[in-house]
């Protein structure tokens, strides 16, 4: 279940379908949205980067403790999804921030809610 949830989060970030609060963002002109979007993506990248570092420590601790879980596999194997997912999400947010910041960017990523 844990792996499925994080894989879903990776897909949501890739497809820009993650949770966003964009009510005020829609009131800004396109140039303003570009700057705000860049800042939000970079902030998200920083948070995910921090969570990656914390998750690496967590998995290392689990490895050191040597506890075993289901199927008699070490617990740290199951928990590898934490640093992997947060690391990939951080990278994806960095790429999104860069794409928003570049003047040659095609458009600002503002998802349309239905």
Protein backbone atom coordinates (compact mmCIF):
# COMPACT_ATOMS: atom_id res chain seq x y z
CA UNK A 1 0.00 0.00 0.00
CA UNK A 2 2.82 2.38 0.88
CA UNK A 3 4.57 1.87 -2.45
CA UNK A 4 1.30 2.31 -4.34
CA UNK A 5 0.57 5.60 -2.60
CA UNK A 6 4.01 7.03 -3.36
CA UNK A 7 3.92 5.83 -6.95
CA UNK A 8 0.60 7.66 -7.28
CA UNK A 9 2.21 10.80 -5.86
CA UNK A 10 4.99 10.54 -8.43
CA UNK A 11 2.46 10.31 -11.24
CA UNK A 12 0.46 13.24 -9.82
CA UNK A 13 3.56 15.46 -9.75
CA UNK A 14 4.61 14.38 -13.24
CA UNK A 15 1.18 15.17 -14.68
CA UNK A 16 0.72 18.34 -12.61
CA UNK A 17 -2.34 16.87 -10.87
CA UNK A 18 -1.04 17.26 -7.32
CA UNK A 19 -2.91 19.36 -4.78
CA UNK A 20 -2.66 23.10 -5.46
CA UNK A 21 -4.30 26.16 -4.04
CA UNK A 22 -4.50 28.47 -7.02
CA UNK A 23 -7.49 30.71 -6.40
CA UNK A 24 -5.34 33.85 -6.00
CA UNK A 25 -2.93 32.73 -8.70
CA UNK A 26 -5.69 32.97 -11.29
CA UNK A 27 -6.13 36.69 -10.50
CA UNK A 28 -2.53 37.52 -11.44
CA UNK A 29 -1.40 38.47 -14.92
CA UNK A 30 0.52 35.78 -16.84
CA UNK A 31 3.93 37.25 -15.92
CA UNK A 32 3.01 37.31 -12.23
CA UNK A 33 1.77 33.72 -12.39
CA UNK A 34 5.08 32.72 -13.94
CA UNK A 35 7.06 34.13 -11.01
CA UNK A 36 4.72 32.75 -8.37
CA UNK A 37 4.67 29.33 -10.05
CA UNK A 38 8.48 29.32 -10.18
CA UNK A 39 8.67 30.11 -6.47
CA UNK A 40 6.09 27.49 -5.56
CA UNK A 41 7.87 24.79 -7.58
CA UNK A 42 11.22 25.68 -6.02
CA UNK A 43 9.70 25.66 -2.54
CA UNK A 44 8.16 22.23 -3.26
CA UNK A 45 11.54 21.00 -4.50
CA UNK A 46 13.22 22.22 -1.31
CA UNK A 47 10.63 20.52 0.93
CA UNK A 48 10.89 17.27 -1.02
CA UNK A 49 14.70 17.55 -0.92
CA UNK A 50 14.61 17.93 2.86
CA UNK A 51 12.24 14.96 3.13
CA UNK A 52 14.63 12.96 0.94
CA UNK A 53 17.49 13.61 3.36
CA UNK A 54 15.36 12.71 6.37
CA UNK A 55 14.13 9.56 4.61
CA UNK A 56 17.70 8.48 3.81
CA UNK A 57 18.53 8.74 7.52
CA UNK A 58 15.37 6.82 8.39
CA UNK A 59 16.16 3.99 5.96
CA UNK A 60 19.75 3.89 7.21
CA UNK A 61 18.51 3.55 10.80
CA UNK A 62 16.19 0.72 9.76
CA UNK A 63 19.11 -0.96 8.01
CA UNK A 64 21.23 -0.59 11.15
CA UNK A 65 18.50 -2.01 13.43
CA UNK A 66 18.14 -5.04 11.18
CA UNK A 67 14.46 -5.64 11.83
CA UNK A 68 12.57 -7.87 9.45
CA UNK A 69 9.04 -7.54 8.10
CA UNK A 70 6.66 -9.43 5.85
CA UNK A 71 8.15 -12.29 3.83
CA UNK A 72 11.10 -12.13 6.22
CA UNK A 73 12.62 -9.25 4.23
CA UNK A 74 14.46 -6.45 6.00
CA UNK A 75 12.20 -3.49 6.82
CA UNK A 76 14.50 -1.03 5.08
CA UNK A 77 13.67 -2.60 1.71
CA UNK A 78 10.01 -1.71 2.12
CA UNK A 79 10.92 1.82 3.21
CA UNK A 80 13.18 2.58 0.26
CA UNK A 81 10.18 4.19 -1.41
CA UNK A 82 10.49 7.20 0.92
CA UNK A 83 13.85 8.56 -0.29
CA UNK A 84 13.26 7.36 -3.85
CA UNK A 85 9.88 9.04 -4.22
CA UNK A 86 10.83 12.26 -2.45
CA UNK A 87 14.05 12.47 -4.47
CA UNK A 88 12.23 12.04 -7.78
CA UNK A 89 9.51 14.52 -6.76
CA UNK A 90 12.20 17.05 -5.78
CA UNK A 91 13.85 16.66 -9.19
CA UNK A 92 10.52 17.01 -10.99
CA UNK A 93 9.65 20.17 -9.06
CA UNK A 94 13.08 21.62 -9.90
CA UNK A 95 12.46 20.93 -13.58
CA UNK A 96 8.99 22.51 -13.36
CA UNK A 97 10.45 25.57 -11.64
CA UNK A 98 13.11 25.91 -14.32
CA UNK A 99 10.54 25.61 -17.09
CA UNK A 100 8.39 28.32 -15.50
CA UNK A 101 11.37 30.61 -14.96
CA UNK A 102 12.84 30.38 -18.47
CA UNK A 103 11.65 33.23 -20.68
CA UNK A 104 11.33 30.76 -23.56
CA UNK A 105 8.88 28.71 -21.53
CA UNK A 106 5.87 27.76 -23.64
CA UNK A 107 3.30 28.56 -20.98
CA UNK A 108 2.71 28.77 -17.28
CA UNK A 109 1.54 25.52 -15.74
CA UNK A 110 -1.84 26.36 -14.23
CA UNK A 111 -4.06 23.29 -14.20
CA UNK A 112 -7.68 23.70 -15.14
CA UNK A 113 -10.04 22.43 -12.45
CA UNK A 114 -13.19 20.69 -13.52
